[in-house]
Every structure is written in structure tokens, then in C-alpha cells.
């Protein structure tokens, strides 16, 4: 079983930057795709960014492309999300996702962008 723990969620002002971290622990062999999702109350969960096993290919939601960067460090079993030029509409709970032999989710970390 894989246990995912996110960190880094804070309240920031528009235009500021924030970096989220997610570390996987537990019993597992290989973690393939890792990703970040986000969800606002009453809204459908959406994919923000995902990255392949080698960390050399990533996909982003159109709304964050050019502002967010996903990366991973397999030696640390970690995935990161660097968020720049944050907007009010980026406010959401951000959840870490990992696919090994099955899907795993973190508990989520709150990111609030407000003036």
C-alpha cells in the first residue's frame, strides 16, 4: 500500500508563488504516473498536471499551462508542483495522485489565493 502525504498549501495573494510537495511511503514496487488534481466545493475534481515515470513528460490543464510546473524525484518518491503567478481561481484543495498497482490519493492540501 502507498501512503501519500501532501504539504505546502497556504494562503497567498494573487501573483505570488507556492510549491506543493507530495511524498509516497509504504509498501510498493514501482510508482508509474504521478499527478496533481484540485477540487473546489461543489465542483468536479480536475486534473492539474501529471508526470510520467521518468519525469521527462508532463501534461497540464490549459488553465495552468505556463504558470505551473510539475516535477518528481524518484529517489525520494516525491512529486512537486511549483505554482507561479497564482490567481484567485486557483483556490482549491490540491490532491496528490499516484498509480502503482492501483490508484492512491493523498488527503489534500488547501491552497487559497486571496487579496
Protein backbone atom coordinates (compact mmCIF):
# COMPACT_ATOMS: atom_id res chain seq x y z
CA UNK A 1 0.00 0.00 0.00
CA UNK A 2 1.14 3.54 -0.81
CA UNK A 3 0.59 6.42 1.58
CA UNK A 4 0.71 9.90 0.08
CA UNK A 5 1.30 13.00 2.18
CA UNK A 6 0.99 16.49 0.73
CA UNK A 7 2.42 19.67 2.16
CA UNK A 8 2.88 23.29 1.21
CA UNK A 9 -0.68 24.56 0.95
CA UNK A 10 -1.05 28.14 2.22
CA UNK A 11 -2.96 31.35 1.77
CA UNK A 12 -1.22 33.72 -0.62
CA UNK A 13 -2.01 36.85 -2.60
CA UNK A 14 -2.62 36.92 -6.36
CA UNK A 15 0.61 36.91 -8.33
CA UNK A 16 2.60 35.11 -5.67
CA UNK A 17 4.17 31.66 -5.91
CA UNK A 18 3.80 28.46 -3.96
CA UNK A 19 5.30 24.98 -4.14
CA UNK A 20 3.43 21.85 -3.14
CA UNK A 21 5.14 18.59 -2.21
CA UNK A 22 3.90 15.04 -2.05
CA UNK A 23 5.90 12.14 -0.65
CA UNK A 24 4.96 8.50 -1.06
CA UNK A 25 5.72 5.91 1.59
CA UNK A 26 4.67 2.39 2.46
CA UNK A 27 4.92 -0.89 0.66
CA UNK A 28 5.12 -0.65 -3.10
CA UNK A 29 7.29 -1.58 -6.03
CA UNK A 30 7.09 0.97 -8.80
CA UNK A 31 5.07 4.16 -8.95
CA UNK A 32 4.19 4.99 -12.51
CA UNK A 33 2.20 8.13 -13.21
CA UNK A 34 2.02 10.80 -10.53
CA UNK A 35 -0.25 13.79 -10.72
CA UNK A 36 -1.86 16.74 -9.01
CA UNK A 37 -5.61 17.26 -9.02
CA UNK A 38 -7.65 20.03 -7.48
CA UNK A 39 -11.22 20.38 -6.34
CA UNK A 40 -13.40 23.27 -5.25
CA UNK A 41 -16.51 22.77 -3.10
CA UNK A 42 -19.40 21.64 -5.27
CA UNK A 43 -17.16 21.31 -8.30
CA UNK A 44 -15.81 18.32 -10.15
CA UNK A 45 -12.26 17.27 -9.46
CA UNK A 46 -9.94 18.29 -12.28
CA UNK A 47 -6.50 17.22 -13.37
CA UNK A 48 -3.96 19.99 -12.90
CA UNK A 49 -0.78 18.27 -14.02
CA UNK A 50 0.63 14.79 -14.42
CA UNK A 51 4.07 13.39 -14.99
CA UNK A 52 5.36 10.09 -16.30
CA UNK A 53 7.59 7.59 -14.52
CA UNK A 54 10.82 9.04 -15.90
CA UNK A 55 9.87 12.61 -15.13
CA UNK A 56 10.55 13.72 -18.68
CA UNK A 57 6.99 14.11 -19.93
CA UNK A 58 4.23 16.16 -18.39
CA UNK A 59 0.74 17.38 -19.23
CA UNK A 60 -1.05 20.40 -17.84
CA UNK A 61 -4.54 21.77 -17.72
CA UNK A 62 -4.92 24.71 -20.07
CA UNK A 63 -5.76 26.95 -17.15
CA UNK A 64 -2.35 26.44 -15.54
CA UNK A 65 -0.08 25.89 -18.52
CA UNK A 66 2.82 28.31 -18.46
CA UNK A 67 2.35 29.04 -14.76
CA UNK A 68 2.67 25.65 -13.05
CA UNK A 69 5.48 23.11 -13.29
CA UNK A 70 5.29 19.51 -12.13
CA UNK A 71 8.40 17.50 -11.32
CA UNK A 72 9.34 14.33 -9.49
CA UNK A 73 12.25 12.82 -7.63
CA UNK A 74 12.06 9.05 -7.74
CA UNK A 75 14.87 8.63 -5.21
CA UNK A 76 12.62 10.39 -2.72
CA UNK A 77 9.36 9.01 -4.11
CA UNK A 78 8.15 12.56 -4.36
CA UNK A 79 6.27 14.78 -6.75
CA UNK A 80 6.19 18.56 -6.67
CA UNK A 81 4.05 21.31 -8.10
CA UNK A 82 5.56 24.74 -8.48
CA UNK A 83 2.83 27.32 -8.89
CA UNK A 84 3.68 30.79 -10.14
CA UNK A 85 1.52 33.83 -10.87
CA UNK A 86 -1.27 32.43 -8.76
CA UNK A 87 -4.81 33.60 -9.43
CA UNK A 88 -7.89 33.71 -7.23
CA UNK A 89 -9.41 30.98 -9.37
CA UNK A 90 -6.55 28.66 -8.41
CA UNK A 91 -8.09 28.41 -4.94
CA UNK A 92 -8.89 24.76 -4.24
CA UNK A 93 -7.91 21.66 -2.37
CA UNK A 94 -4.97 20.13 -4.18
CA UNK A 95 -4.65 16.36 -4.09
CA UNK A 96 -1.70 14.17 -4.89
CA UNK A 97 -2.25 11.07 -7.01
CA UNK A 98 -0.03 8.09 -7.68
CA UNK A 99 -0.51 4.97 -9.74
CA UNK A 100 1.33 1.82 -8.77
CA UNK A 101 -0.54 -1.47 -8.97
CA UNK A 102 -3.62 0.57 -8.11
CA UNK A 103 -4.60 4.21 -7.61
CA UNK A 104 -3.65 6.14 -4.48
CA UNK A 105 -4.73 9.56 -3.25
CA UNK A 106 -3.45 11.95 -0.64
CA UNK A 107 -5.73 13.77 1.79
CA UNK A 108 -5.26 17.09 0.05
CA UNK A 109 -3.79 20.44 0.97
CA UNK A 110 -5.66 23.74 0.83
CA UNK A 111 -4.40 26.49 -1.43
CA UNK A 112 -6.13 29.82 -1.05
CA UNK A 113 -5.37 32.80 -3.27
CA UNK A 114 -6.94 35.97 -1.95
CA UNK A 115 -6.23 39.68 -1.81
